[in-house]
Amino acid sequence: MRAPFLTTEILRDAPRQSFQAGDRVILCGQPTDRAYLVSKGSLINVSTRQVWKAGEVVSLTGFLALEEYIHDIEAVADTTTVLIQRSLFRMASDRENRMTWPLSVCLASAATAVIAS
């Protein structure tokens, strides 16, 4: 999923992390205290085989709705991610509209509940 409110200005100082093909980027049970934006390369959900490419936020629904990631995510190819702390992600979404964050969390929580049932 893309997050258009994550502008170049906001991402400029965010830390980056590089991975080689096959590296685990996110481990099941890891806290959702940061989002991962694919800058270069691609990542895959080991269980569902969902793929994220450059410009997409990895497991956005899980990041918004859960306290921990529920799947292992690994690099398909050499990949660079931008790490976005939850507070920065929220601030960026609030710049567009103050209702973006609470509505996004609510919808993600509902979607996660449907998937889990």
PDB file of N, CA and C in Angstrom:
ATOM      1  N   MET A   1       0.823  -1.173   0.000  1.00  0.00           N
ATOM      2  CA  MET A   1       0.000   0.000   0.000  1.00  0.00           C
ATOM      3  C   MET A   1       0.870   1.241   0.000  1.00  0.00           C
ATOM      4  N   ARG A   2       0.422   2.232  -0.706  1.00  0.00           N
ATOM      5  CA  ARG A   2       1.144   3.496  -0.740  1.00  0.00           C
ATOM      6  C   ARG A   2       0.567   4.452   0.292  1.00  0.00           C
ATOM      7  N   ALA A   3       1.387   5.365   0.750  1.00  0.00           N
ATOM      8  CA  ALA A   3       0.965   6.389   1.709  1.00  0.00           C
ATOM      9  C   ALA A   3       1.426   7.740   1.158  1.00  0.00           C
ATOM     10  N   PRO A   4       0.583   8.388   0.352  1.00  0.00           N
ATOM     11  CA  PRO A   4       1.003   9.609  -0.342  1.00  0.00           C
ATOM     12  C   PRO A   4       1.397  10.760   0.580  1.00  0.00           C
ATOM     13  N   PHE A   5       0.968  10.728   1.826  1.00  0.00           N
ATOM     14  CA  PHE A   5       1.325  11.798   2.756  1.00  0.00           C
ATOM     15  C   PHE A   5       2.764  11.682   3.253  1.00  0.00           C
ATOM     16  N   LEU A   6       3.433  10.575   2.942  1.00  0.00           N
ATOM     17  CA  LEU A   6       4.839  10.429   3.312  1.00  0.00           C
ATOM     18  C   LEU A   6       5.681  11.118   2.243  1.00  0.00           C
ATOM     19  N   THR A   7       5.878  12.406   2.408  1.00  0.00           N
ATOM     20  CA  THR A   7       6.567  13.226   1.418  1.00  0.00           C
ATOM     21  C   THR A   7       8.079  13.103   1.548  1.00  0.00           C
ATOM     22  N   THR A   8       8.774  13.562   0.520  1.00  0.00           N
ATOM     23  CA  THR A   8      10.235  13.561   0.524  1.00  0.00           C
ATOM     24  C   THR A   8      10.765  14.323   1.733  1.00  0.00           C
ATOM     25  N   GLU A   9      10.129  15.425   2.057  1.00  0.00           N
ATOM     26  CA  GLU A   9      10.540  16.235   3.210  1.00  0.00           C
ATOM     27  C   GLU A   9      10.489  15.416   4.502  1.00  0.00           C
ATOM     28  N   ILE A  10       9.438  14.647   4.674  1.00  0.00           N
ATOM     29  CA  ILE A  10       9.269  13.839   5.885  1.00  0.00           C
ATOM     30  C   ILE A  10      10.264  12.681   5.914  1.00  0.00           C
ATOM     31  N   LEU A  11      10.508  12.084   4.763  1.00  0.00           N
ATOM     32  CA  LEU A  11      11.361  10.892   4.699  1.00  0.00           C
ATOM     33  C   LEU A  11      12.852  11.204   4.661  1.00  0.00           C
ATOM     34  N   ARG A  12      13.194  12.442   4.379  1.00  0.00           N
ATOM     35  CA  ARG A  12      14.596  12.826   4.170  1.00  0.00           C
ATOM     36  C   ARG A  12      15.509  12.361   5.309  1.00  0.00           C
ATOM     37  N   ASP A  13      15.096  12.563   6.541  1.00  0.00           N
ATOM     38  CA  ASP A  13      15.958  12.239   7.684  1.00  0.00           C
ATOM     39  C   ASP A  13      15.660  10.884   8.323  1.00  0.00           C
ATOM     40  N   ALA A  14      14.700  10.167   7.778  1.00  0.00           N
ATOM     41  CA  ALA A  14      14.359   8.849   8.339  1.00  0.00           C
ATOM     42  C   ALA A  14      15.498   7.864   8.062  1.00  0.00           C
ATOM     43  N   PRO A  15      15.800   6.994   9.015  1.00  0.00           N
ATOM     44  CA  PRO A  15      16.874   6.019   8.803  1.00  0.00           C
ATOM     45  C   PRO A  15      16.526   5.013   7.707  1.00  0.00           C
ATOM     46  N   ARG A  16      17.563   4.508   7.080  1.00  0.00           N
ATOM     47  CA  ARG A  16      17.418   3.492   6.044  1.00  0.00           C
ATOM     48  C   ARG A  16      18.153   2.234   6.480  1.00  0.00           C
ATOM     49  N   GLN A  17      17.685   1.114   5.949  1.00  0.00           N
ATOM     50  CA  GLN A  17      18.329  -0.158   6.260  1.00  0.00           C
ATOM     51  C   GLN A  17      18.366  -0.974   4.979  1.00  0.00           C
ATOM     52  N   SER A  18      19.498  -1.605   4.721  1.00  0.00           N
ATOM     53  CA  SER A  18      19.663  -2.412   3.509  1.00  0.00           C
ATOM     54  C   SER A  18      19.682  -3.891   3.857  1.00  0.00           C
ATOM     55  N   PHE A  19      19.123  -4.689   2.947  1.00  0.00           N
ATOM     56  CA  PHE A  19      19.037  -6.135   3.130  1.00  0.00           C
ATOM     57  C   PHE A  19      19.448  -6.831   1.845  1.00  0.00           C
ATOM     58  N   GLN A  20      19.991  -8.027   1.979  1.00  0.00           N
ATOM     59  CA  GLN A  20      20.302  -8.861   0.824  1.00  0.00           C
ATOM     60  C   GLN A  20      19.163  -9.842   0.610  1.00  0.00           C
ATOM     61  N   ALA A  21      19.055 -10.359  -0.596  1.00  0.00           N
ATOM     62  CA  ALA A  21      18.018 -11.345  -0.909  1.00  0.00           C
ATOM     63  C   ALA A  21      18.054 -12.470   0.121  1.00  0.00           C
ATOM     64  N   GLY A  22      16.879 -12.822   0.651  1.00  0.00           N
ATOM     65  CA  GLY A  22      16.762 -13.890   1.635  1.00  0.00           C
ATOM     66  C   GLY A  22      16.837 -13.432   3.081  1.00  0.00           C
ATOM     67  N   ASP A  23      17.301 -12.206   3.319  1.00  0.00           N
ATOM     68  CA  ASP A  23      17.358 -11.688   4.694  1.00  0.00           C
ATOM     69  C   ASP A  23      15.951 -11.487   5.242  1.00  0.00           C
ATOM     70  N   ARG A  24      15.771 -11.791   6.521  1.00  0.00           N
ATOM     71  CA  ARG A  24      14.501 -11.490   7.190  1.00  0.00           C
ATOM     72  C   ARG A  24      14.523 -10.013   7.576  1.00  0.00           C
ATOM     73  N   VAL A  25      13.504  -9.301   7.156  1.00  0.00           N
ATOM     74  CA  VAL A  25      13.396  -7.869   7.421  1.00  0.00           C
ATOM     75  C   VAL A  25      12.530  -7.628   8.650  1.00  0.00           C
ATOM     76  N   ILE A  26      11.415  -8.345   8.723  1.00  0.00           N
ATOM     77  CA  ILE A  26      10.496  -8.270   9.854  1.00  0.00           C
ATOM     78  C   ILE A  26      10.272  -9.687  10.353  1.00  0.00           C
ATOM     79  N   LEU A  27      10.329  -9.865  11.666  1.00  0.00           N
ATOM     80  CA  LEU A  27      10.080 -11.175  12.262  1.00  0.00           C
ATOM     81  C   LEU A  27       8.716 -11.180  12.933  1.00  0.00           C
ATOM     82  N   CYS A  28       8.013 -12.284  12.822  1.00  0.00           N
ATOM     83  CA  CYS A  28       6.737 -12.450  13.510  1.00  0.00           C
ATOM     84  C   CYS A  28       6.958 -12.169  14.995  1.00  0.00           C
ATOM     85  N   GLY A  29       6.092 -11.329  15.573  1.00  0.00           N
ATOM     86  CA  GLY A  29       6.220 -10.968  16.975  1.00  0.00           C
ATOM     87  C   GLY A  29       6.984  -9.674  17.214  1.00  0.00           C
ATOM     88  N   GLN A  30       7.589  -9.145  16.168  1.00  0.00           N
ATOM     89  CA  GLN A  30       8.313  -7.879  16.286  1.00  0.00           C
ATOM     90  C   GLN A  30       7.314  -6.742  16.505  1.00  0.00           C
ATOM     91  N   PRO A  31       7.601  -5.805  17.414  1.00  0.00           N
ATOM     92  CA  PRO A  31       6.663  -4.702  17.669  1.00  0.00           C
ATOM     93  C   PRO A  31       6.420  -3.856  16.417  1.00  0.00           C
ATOM     94  N   THR A  32       5.202  -3.360  16.298  1.00  0.00           N
ATOM     95  CA  THR A  32       4.847  -2.490  15.169  1.00  0.00           C
ATOM     96  C   THR A  32       5.107  -1.032  15.542  1.00  0.00           C
ATOM     97  N   ASP A  33       6.281  -0.767  16.092  1.00  0.00           N
ATOM     98  CA  ASP A  33       6.630   0.597  16.483  1.00  0.00           C
ATOM     99  C   ASP A  33       7.182   1.410  15.323  1.00  0.00           C
ATOM    100  N   ARG A  34       7.388   0.767  14.186  1.00  0.00           N
ATOM    101  CA  ARG A  34       7.873   1.458  12.993  1.00  0.00           C
ATOM    102  C   ARG A  34       7.292   0.794  11.749  1.00  0.00           C
ATOM    103  N   ALA A  35       7.112   1.617  10.735  1.00  0.00           N
ATOM    104  CA  ALA A  35       6.662   1.118   9.433  1.00  0.00           C
ATOM    105  C   ALA A  35       7.884   0.993   8.531  1.00  0.00           C
ATOM    106  N   TYR A  36       7.780   0.114   7.553  1.00  0.00           N
ATOM    107  CA  TYR A  36       8.856  -0.109   6.595  1.00  0.00           C
ATOM    108  C   TYR A  36       8.360   0.298   5.212  1.00  0.00           C
ATOM    109  N   LEU A  37       8.979   1.318   4.640  1.00  0.00           N
ATOM    110  CA  LEU A  37       8.671   1.757   3.286  1.00  0.00           C
ATOM    111  C   LEU A  37       9.756   1.205   2.377  1.00  0.00           C
ATOM    112  N   VAL A  38       9.375   0.451   1.357  1.00  0.00           N
ATOM    113  CA  VAL A  38      10.363  -0.101   0.425  1.00  0.00           C
ATOM    114  C   VAL A  38      10.863   1.039  -0.458  1.00  0.00           C
ATOM    115  N   SER A  39      12.148   1.300  -0.388  1.00  0.00           N
ATOM    116  CA  SER A  39      12.762   2.351  -1.194  1.00  0.00           C
ATOM    117  C   SER A  39      13.297   1.775  -2.502  1.00  0.00           C
ATOM    118  N   LYS A  40      13.883   0.588  -2.406  1.00  0.00           N
ATOM    119  CA  LYS A  40      14.451  -0.088  -3.575  1.00  0.00           C
ATOM    120  C   LYS A  40      14.335  -1.585  -3.345  1.00  0.00           C
ATOM    121  N   GLY A  41      14.028  -2.331  -4.397  1.00  0.00           N
ATOM    122  CA  GLY A  41      13.929  -3.777  -4.279  1.00  0.00           C
ATOM    123  C   GLY A  41      12.515  -4.231  -3.985  1.00  0.00           C
ATOM    124  N   SER A  42      12.393  -5.402  -3.352  1.00  0.00           N
ATOM    125  CA  SER A  42      11.065  -5.922  -3.011  1.00  0.00           C
ATOM    126  C   SER A  42      11.160  -6.870  -1.821  1.00  0.00           C
ATOM    127  N   LEU A  43      10.033  -6.955  -1.116  1.00  0.00           N
ATOM    128  CA  LEU A  43       9.911  -7.817   0.058  1.00  0.00           C
ATOM    129  C   LEU A  43       8.723  -8.739  -0.134  1.00  0.00           C
ATOM    130  N   ILE A  44       8.753  -9.888   0.559  1.00  0.00           N
ATOM    131  CA  ILE A  44       7.664 -10.855   0.446  1.00  0.00           C
ATOM    132  C   ILE A  44       7.266 -11.359   1.830  1.00  0.00           C
ATOM    133  N   ASN A  45       5.966 -11.549   2.006  1.00  0.00           N
ATOM    134  CA  ASN A  45       5.432 -12.177   3.208  1.00  0.00           C
ATOM    135  C   ASN A  45       5.682 -13.676   3.045  1.00  0.00           C
ATOM    136  N   VAL A  46       6.440 -14.261   3.948  1.00  0.00           N
ATOM    137  CA  VAL A  46       6.829 -15.669   3.830  1.00  0.00           C
ATOM    138  C   VAL A  46       5.610 -16.591   3.839  1.00  0.00           C
ATOM    139  N   SER A  47       4.562 -16.241   4.587  1.00  0.00           N
ATOM    140  CA  SER A  47       3.368 -17.094   4.695  1.00  0.00           C
ATOM    141  C   SER A  47       2.396 -16.920   3.540  1.00  0.00           C
ATOM    142  N   THR A  48       2.031 -15.664   3.248  1.00  0.00           N
ATOM    143  CA  THR A  48       0.971 -15.404   2.258  1.00  0.00           C
ATOM    144  C   THR A  48       1.499 -15.165   0.856  1.00  0.00           C
ATOM    145  N   ARG A  49       2.796 -14.930   0.736  1.00  0.00           N
ATOM    146  CA  ARG A  49       3.466 -14.647  -0.538  1.00  0.00           C
ATOM    147  C   ARG A  49       3.119 -13.270  -1.108  1.00  0.00           C
ATOM    148  N   GLN A  50       2.503 -12.407  -0.308  1.00  0.00           N
ATOM    149  CA  GLN A  50       2.236 -11.033  -0.753  1.00  0.00           C
ATOM    150  C   GLN A  50       3.567 -10.322  -0.943  1.00  0.00           C
ATOM    151  N   VAL A  51       3.666  -9.534  -2.019  1.00  0.00           N
ATOM    152  CA  VAL A  51       4.907  -8.839  -2.355  1.00  0.00           C
ATOM    153  C   VAL A  51       4.704  -7.327  -2.250  1.00  0.00           C
ATOM    154  N   TRP A  52       5.725  -6.644  -1.735  1.00  0.00           N
ATOM    155  CA  TRP A  52       5.741  -5.183  -1.696  1.00  0.00           C
ATOM    156  C   TRP A  52       6.930  -4.704  -2.499  1.00  0.00           C
ATOM    157  N   LYS A  53       6.711  -3.678  -3.319  1.00  0.00           N
ATOM    158  CA  LYS A  53       7.757  -3.120  -4.179  1.00  0.00           C
ATOM    159  C   LYS A  53       8.035  -1.677  -3.786  1.00  0.00           C
ATOM    160  N   ALA A  54       9.007  -1.076  -4.463  1.00  0.00           N
ATOM    161  CA  ALA A  54       9.409   0.300  -4.166  1.00  0.00           C
ATOM    162  C   ALA A  54       8.203   1.233  -4.111  1.00  0.00           C
ATOM    163  N   GLY A  55       8.171   2.041  -3.055  1.00  0.00           N
ATOM    164  CA  GLY A  55       7.096   3.009  -2.872  1.00  0.00           C
ATOM    165  C   GLY A  55       5.951   2.509  -2.017  1.00  0.00           C
ATOM    166  N   GLU A  56       5.994   1.240  -1.605  1.00  0.00           N
ATOM    167  CA  GLU A  56       4.896   0.665  -0.825  1.00  0.00           C
ATOM    168  C   GLU A  56       5.302   0.467   0.638  1.00  0.00           C
ATOM    169  N   VAL A  57       4.328   0.668   1.524  1.00  0.00           N
ATOM    170  CA  VAL A  57       4.533   0.428   2.956  1.00  0.00           C
ATOM    171  C   VAL A  57       4.199  -1.034   3.239  1.00  0.00           C
ATOM    172  N   VAL A  58       5.117  -1.731   3.867  1.00  0.00           N
ATOM    173  CA  VAL A  58       4.964  -3.157   4.154  1.00  0.00           C
ATOM    174  C   VAL A  58       3.920  -3.368   5.248  1.00  0.00           C
ATOM    175  N   SER A  59       2.977  -4.267   4.994  1.00  0.00           N
ATOM    176  CA  SER A  59       1.979  -4.677   5.981  1.00  0.00           C
ATOM    177  C   SER A  59       1.357  -3.482   6.703  1.00  0.00           C
ATOM    178  N   LEU A  60       0.881  -2.521   5.917  1.00  0.00           N
ATOM    179  CA  LEU A  60       0.334  -1.290   6.490  1.00  0.00           C
ATOM    180  C   LEU A  60      -0.829  -1.571   7.434  1.00  0.00           C
ATOM    181  N   THR A  61      -1.690  -2.506   7.072  1.00  0.00           N
ATOM    182  CA  THR A  61      -2.825  -2.833   7.935  1.00  0.00           C
ATOM    183  C   THR A  61      -2.341  -3.349   9.289  1.00  0.00           C
ATOM    184  N   GLY A  62      -1.373  -4.242   9.272  1.00  0.00           N
ATOM    185  CA  GLY A  62      -0.811  -4.762  10.518  1.00  0.00           C
ATOM    186  C   GLY A  62      -0.131  -3.678  11.338  1.00  0.00           C
ATOM    187  N   PHE A  63       0.612  -2.806  10.673  1.00  0.00           N
ATOM    188  CA  PHE A  63       1.282  -1.700  11.364  1.00  0.00           C
ATOM    189  C   PHE A  63       0.271  -0.815  12.084  1.00  0.00           C
ATOM    190  N   LEU A  64      -0.831  -0.506  11.408  1.00  0.00           N
ATOM    191  CA  LEU A  64      -1.837   0.385  11.983  1.00  0.00           C
ATOM    192  C   LEU A  64      -2.650  -0.281  13.091  1.00  0.00           C
ATOM    193  N   ALA A  65      -2.960  -1.564  12.932  1.00  0.00           N
ATOM    194  CA  ALA A  65      -3.949  -2.203  13.806  1.00  0.00           C
ATOM    195  C   ALA A  65      -3.369  -3.042  14.941  1.00  0.00           C
ATOM    196  N   LEU A  66      -2.163  -3.524  14.786  1.00  0.00           N
ATOM    197  CA  LEU A  66      -1.637  -4.510  15.730  1.00  0.00           C
ATOM    198  C   LEU A  66      -0.467  -3.977  16.544  1.00  0.00           C
ATOM    199  N   GLU A  67      -0.192  -4.627  17.649  1.00  0.00           N
ATOM    200  CA  GLU A  67       0.964  -4.265  18.466  1.00  0.00           C
ATOM    201  C   GLU A  67       2.224  -4.996  18.015  1.00  0.00           C
ATOM    202  N   GLU A  68       2.033  -6.114  17.293  1.00  0.00           N
ATOM    203  CA  GLU A  68       3.159  -6.899  16.782  1.00  0.00           C
ATOM    204  C   GLU A  68       2.851  -7.339  15.361  1.00  0.00           C
ATOM    205  N   TYR A  69       3.899  -7.442  14.548  1.00  0.00           N
ATOM    206  CA  TYR A  69       3.725  -8.007  13.208  1.00  0.00           C
ATOM    207  C   TYR A  69       3.410  -9.495  13.351  1.00  0.00           C
ATOM    208  N   ILE A  70       2.558 -10.018  12.480  1.00  0.00           N
ATOM    209  CA  ILE A  70       2.118 -11.410  12.615  1.00  0.00           C
ATOM    210  C   ILE A  70       2.690 -12.334  11.540  1.00  0.00           C
ATOM    211  N   HIS A  71       3.594 -11.820  10.705  1.00  0.00           N
ATOM    212  CA  HIS A  71       4.218 -12.640   9.666  1.00  0.00           C
ATOM    213  C   HIS A  71       5.693 -12.279   9.550  1.00  0.00           C
ATOM    214  N   ASP A  72       6.475 -13.234   9.089  1.00  0.00           N
ATOM    215  CA  ASP A  72       7.861 -12.961   8.727  1.00  0.00           C
ATOM    216  C   ASP A  72       7.867 -12.361   7.323  1.00  0.00           C
ATOM    217  N   ILE A  73       8.698 -11.338   7.140  1.00  0.00           N
ATOM    218  CA  ILE A  73       8.842 -10.672   5.848  1.00  0.00           C
ATOM    219  C   ILE A  73      10.312 -10.763   5.471  1.00  0.00           C
ATOM    220  N   GLU A  74      10.590 -11.153   4.220  1.00  0.00           N
ATOM    221  CA  GLU A  74      11.987 -11.250   3.800  1.00  0.00           C
ATOM    222  C   GLU A  74      12.218 -10.541   2.474  1.00  0.00           C
ATOM    223  N   ALA A  75      13.483 -10.230   2.230  1.00  0.00           N
ATOM    224  CA  ALA A  75      13.877  -9.557   0.997  1.00  0.00           C
ATOM    225  C   ALA A  75      13.886 -10.564  -0.153  1.00  0.00           C
ATOM    226  N   VAL A  76      13.278 -10.171  -1.273  1.00  0.00           N
ATOM    227  CA  VAL A  76      13.287 -10.998  -2.479  1.00  0.00           C
ATOM    228  C   VAL A  76      14.588 -10.756  -3.234  1.00  0.00           C
ATOM    229  N   ALA A  77      15.018  -9.519  -3.244  1.00  0.00           N
ATOM    230  CA  ALA A  77      16.248  -9.093  -3.911  1.00  0.00           C
ATOM    231  C   ALA A  77      16.952  -8.131  -2.961  1.00  0.00           C
ATOM    232  N   ASP A  78      18.089  -7.606  -3.368  1.00  0.00           N
ATOM    233  CA  ASP A  78      18.723  -6.581  -2.548  1.00  0.00           C
ATOM    234  C   ASP A  78      17.729  -5.436  -2.391  1.00  0.00           C
ATOM    235  N   THR A  79      17.471  -5.052  -1.148  1.00  0.00           N
ATOM    236  CA  THR A  79      16.386  -4.122  -0.844  1.00  0.00           C
ATOM    237  C   THR A  79      16.834  -3.088   0.177  1.00  0.00           C
ATOM    238  N   THR A  80      16.340  -1.876  -0.004  1.00  0.00           N
ATOM    239  CA  THR A  80      16.539  -0.807   0.970  1.00  0.00           C
ATOM    240  C   THR A  80      15.174  -0.368   1.472  1.00  0.00           C
ATOM    241  N   THR A  81      15.050  -0.239   2.789  1.00  0.00           N
ATOM    242  CA  THR A  81      13.802   0.237   3.381  1.00  0.00           C
ATOM    243  C   THR A  81      14.060   1.542   4.131  1.00  0.00           C
ATOM    244  N   VAL A  82      13.012   2.344   4.221  1.00  0.00           N
ATOM    245  CA  VAL A  82      13.028   3.549   5.044  1.00  0.00           C
ATOM    246  C   VAL A  82      12.221   3.204   6.288  1.00  0.00           C
ATOM    247  N   LEU A  83      12.805   3.417   7.458  1.00  0.00           N
ATOM    248  CA  LEU A  83      12.144   3.095   8.721  1.00  0.00           C
ATOM    249  C   LEU A  83      11.429   4.341   9.235  1.00  0.00           C
ATOM    250  N   ILE A  84      10.121   4.226   9.431  1.00  0.00           N
ATOM    251  CA  ILE A  84       9.318   5.374   9.836  1.00  0.00           C
ATOM    252  C   ILE A  84       8.702   5.083  11.198  1.00  0.00           C
ATOM    253  N   GLN A  85       9.156   5.795  12.206  1.00  0.00           N
ATOM    254  CA  GLN A  85       8.615   5.620  13.548  1.00  0.00           C
ATOM    255  C   GLN A  85       7.118   5.920  13.553  1.00  0.00           C
ATOM    256  N   ARG A  86       6.390   5.232  14.402  1.00  0.00           N
ATOM    257  CA  ARG A  86       4.934   5.405  14.488  1.00  0.00           C
ATOM    258  C   ARG A  86       4.555   6.877  14.686  1.00  0.00           C
ATOM    259  N   SER A  87       5.271   7.583  15.547  1.00  0.00           N
ATOM    260  CA  SER A  87       4.940   8.993  15.815  1.00  0.00           C
ATOM    261  C   SER A  87       5.119   9.857  14.566  1.00  0.00           C
ATOM    262  N   LEU A  88       6.153   9.595  13.775  1.00  0.00           N
ATOM    263  CA  LEU A  88       6.371  10.341  12.536  1.00  0.00           C
ATOM    264  C   LEU A  88       5.295   9.999  11.509  1.00  0.00           C
ATOM    265  N   PHE A  89       4.931   8.730  11.423  1.00  0.00           N
ATOM    266  CA  PHE A  89       3.885   8.294  10.499  1.00  0.00           C
ATOM    267  C   PHE A  89       2.570   8.992  10.853  1.00  0.00           C
ATOM    268  N   ARG A  90       2.264   9.035  12.136  1.00  0.00           N
ATOM    269  CA  ARG A  90       1.023   9.686  12.572  1.00  0.00           C
ATOM    270  C   ARG A  90       1.060  11.186  12.268  1.00  0.00           C
ATOM    271  N   MET A  91       2.178  11.831  12.572  1.00  0.00           N
ATOM    272  CA  MET A  91       2.308  13.257  12.299  1.00  0.00           C
ATOM    273  C   MET A  91       2.113  13.545  10.809  1.00  0.00           C
ATOM    274  N   ALA A  92       2.722  12.714   9.964  1.00  0.00           N
ATOM    275  CA  ALA A  92       2.596  12.904   8.519  1.00  0.00           C
ATOM    276  C   ALA A  92       1.155  12.735   8.062  1.00  0.00           C
ATOM    277  N   SER A  93       0.463  11.748   8.590  1.00  0.00           N
ATOM    278  CA  SER A  93      -0.932  11.534   8.185  1.00  0.00           C
ATOM    279  C   SER A  93      -1.826  12.665   8.690  1.00  0.00           C
ATOM    280  N   ASP A  94      -1.519  13.207   9.854  1.00  0.00           N
ATOM    281  CA  ASP A  94      -2.310  14.306  10.419  1.00  0.00           C
ATOM    282  C   ASP A  94      -2.128  15.616   9.662  1.00  0.00           C
ATOM    283  N   ARG A  95      -1.017  15.777   8.965  1.00  0.00           N
ATOM    284  CA  ARG A  95      -0.789  17.004   8.191  1.00  0.00           C
ATOM    285  C   ARG A  95      -1.826  17.139   7.085  1.00  0.00           C
ATOM    286  N   GLU A  96      -2.211  16.034   6.519  1.00  0.00           N
ATOM    287  CA  GLU A  96      -3.209  16.018   5.440  1.00  0.00           C
ATOM    288  C   GLU A  96      -4.597  16.324   5.996  1.00  0.00           C
ATOM    289  N   ASN A  97      -4.952  15.608   7.051  1.00  0.00           N
ATOM    290  CA  ASN A  97      -6.279  15.749   7.649  1.00  0.00           C
ATOM    291  C   ASN A  97      -6.210  15.082   9.020  1.00  0.00           C
ATOM    292  N   ARG A  98      -6.648  15.760  10.044  1.00  0.00           N
ATOM    293  CA  ARG A  98      -6.537  15.227  11.407  1.00  0.00           C
ATOM    294  C   ARG A  98      -7.345  13.951  11.622  1.00  0.00           C
ATOM    295  N   MET A  99      -8.231  13.633  10.719  1.00  0.00           N
ATOM    296  CA  MET A  99      -9.024  12.406  10.841  1.00  0.00           C
ATOM    297  C   MET A  99      -8.364  11.212  10.146  1.00  0.00           C
ATOM    298  N   THR A 100      -7.309  11.457   9.377  1.00  0.00           N
ATOM    299  CA  THR A 100      -6.671  10.369   8.627  1.00  0.00           C
ATOM    300  C   THR A 100      -6.175   9.266   9.556  1.00  0.00           C
ATOM    301  N   TRP A 101      -5.436   9.627  10.603  1.00  0.00           N
ATOM    302  CA  TRP A 101      -4.872   8.616  11.507  1.00  0.00           C
ATOM    303  C   TRP A 101      -5.959   7.806  12.211  1.00  0.00           C
ATOM    304  N   PRO A 102      -6.898   8.441  12.935  1.00  0.00           N
ATOM    305  CA  PRO A 102      -7.882   7.619  13.653  1.00  0.00           C
ATOM    306  C   PRO A 102      -8.752   6.775  12.722  1.00  0.00           C
ATOM    307  N   LEU A 103      -9.104   7.315  11.569  1.00  0.00           N
ATOM    308  CA  LEU A 103      -9.907   6.521  10.628  1.00  0.00           C
ATOM    309  C   LEU A 103      -9.102   5.357  10.061  1.00  0.00           C
ATOM    310  N   SER A 104      -7.835   5.599   9.754  1.00  0.00           N
ATOM    311  CA  SER A 104      -6.981   4.531   9.223  1.00  0.00           C
ATOM    312  C   SER A 104      -6.815   3.403  10.231  1.00  0.00           C
ATOM    313  N   VAL A 105      -6.577   3.764  11.488  1.00  0.00           N
ATOM    314  CA  VAL A 105      -6.423   2.758  12.544  1.00  0.00           C
ATOM    315  C   VAL A 105      -7.719   1.978  12.724  1.00  0.00           C
ATOM    316  N   CYS A 106      -8.838   2.680  12.707  1.00  0.00           N
ATOM    317  CA  CYS A 106     -10.146   2.031  12.868  1.00  0.00           C
ATOM    318  C   CYS A 106     -10.412   1.045  11.730  1.00  0.00           C
ATOM    319  N   LEU A 107     -10.195   1.490  10.494  1.00  0.00           N
ATOM    320  CA  LEU A 107     -10.433   0.613   9.339  1.00  0.00           C
ATOM    321  C   LEU A 107      -9.469  -0.574   9.331  1.00  0.00           C
ATOM    322  N   ALA A 108      -8.205  -0.324   9.665  1.00  0.00           N
ATOM    323  CA  ALA A 108      -7.226  -1.411   9.708  1.00  0.00           C
ATOM    324  C   ALA A 108      -7.590  -2.419  10.790  1.00  0.00           C
ATOM    325  N   SER A 109      -8.057  -1.934  11.926  1.00  0.00           N
ATOM    326  CA  SER A 109      -8.468  -2.833  13.013  1.00  0.00           C
ATOM    327  C   SER A 109      -9.645  -3.692  12.591  1.00  0.00           C
ATOM    328  N   ALA A 110     -10.602  -3.079  11.909  1.00  0.00           N
ATOM    329  CA  ALA A 110     -11.764  -3.837  11.425  1.00  0.00           C
ATOM    330  C   ALA A 110     -11.335  -4.874  10.395  1.00  0.00           C
ATOM    331  N   ALA A 111     -10.453  -4.494   9.486  1.00  0.00           N
ATOM    332  CA  ALA A 111      -9.980  -5.432   8.458  1.00  0.00           C
ATOM    333  C   ALA A 111      -9.205  -6.578   9.088  1.00  0.00           C
ATOM    334  N   THR A 112      -8.382  -6.274  10.081  1.00  0.00           N
ATOM    335  CA  THR A 112      -7.604  -7.307  10.760  1.00  0.00           C
ATOM    336  C   THR A 112      -8.519  -8.265  11.512  1.00  0.00           C
ATOM    337  N   ALA A 113      -9.569  -7.743  12.127  1.00  0.00           N
ATOM    338  CA  ALA A 113     -10.527  -8.589  12.855  1.00  0.00           C
ATOM    339  C   ALA A 113     -11.250  -9.529  11.906  1.00  0.00           C
ATOM    340  N   VAL A 114     -11.588  -9.055  10.718  1.00  0.00           N
ATOM    341  CA  VAL A 114     -12.267  -9.891   9.719  1.00  0.00           C
ATOM    342  C   VAL A 114     -11.336 -10.995   9.242  1.00  0.00           C
ATOM    343  N   ILE A 115     -10.076 -10.649   8.999  1.00  0.00           N
ATOM    344  CA  ILE A 115      -9.096 -11.634   8.533  1.00  0.00           C
ATOM    345  C   ILE A 115      -8.864 -12.700   9.597  1.00  0.00           C
ATOM    346  N   ALA A 116      -8.817 -12.285  10.858  1.00  0.00           N
ATOM    347  CA  ALA A 116      -8.538 -13.216  11.956  1.00  0.00           C
ATOM    348  C   ALA A 116      -9.700 -14.160  12.242  1.00  0.00           C
ATOM    349  N   SER A 117     -10.911 -13.772  11.846  1.00  0.00           N
ATOM    350  CA  SER A 117     -12.068 -14.621  12.176  1.00  0.00           C
ATOM    351  C   SER A 117     -12.358 -15.652  11.113  1.00  0.00           C
TER     352      SER A 117
END
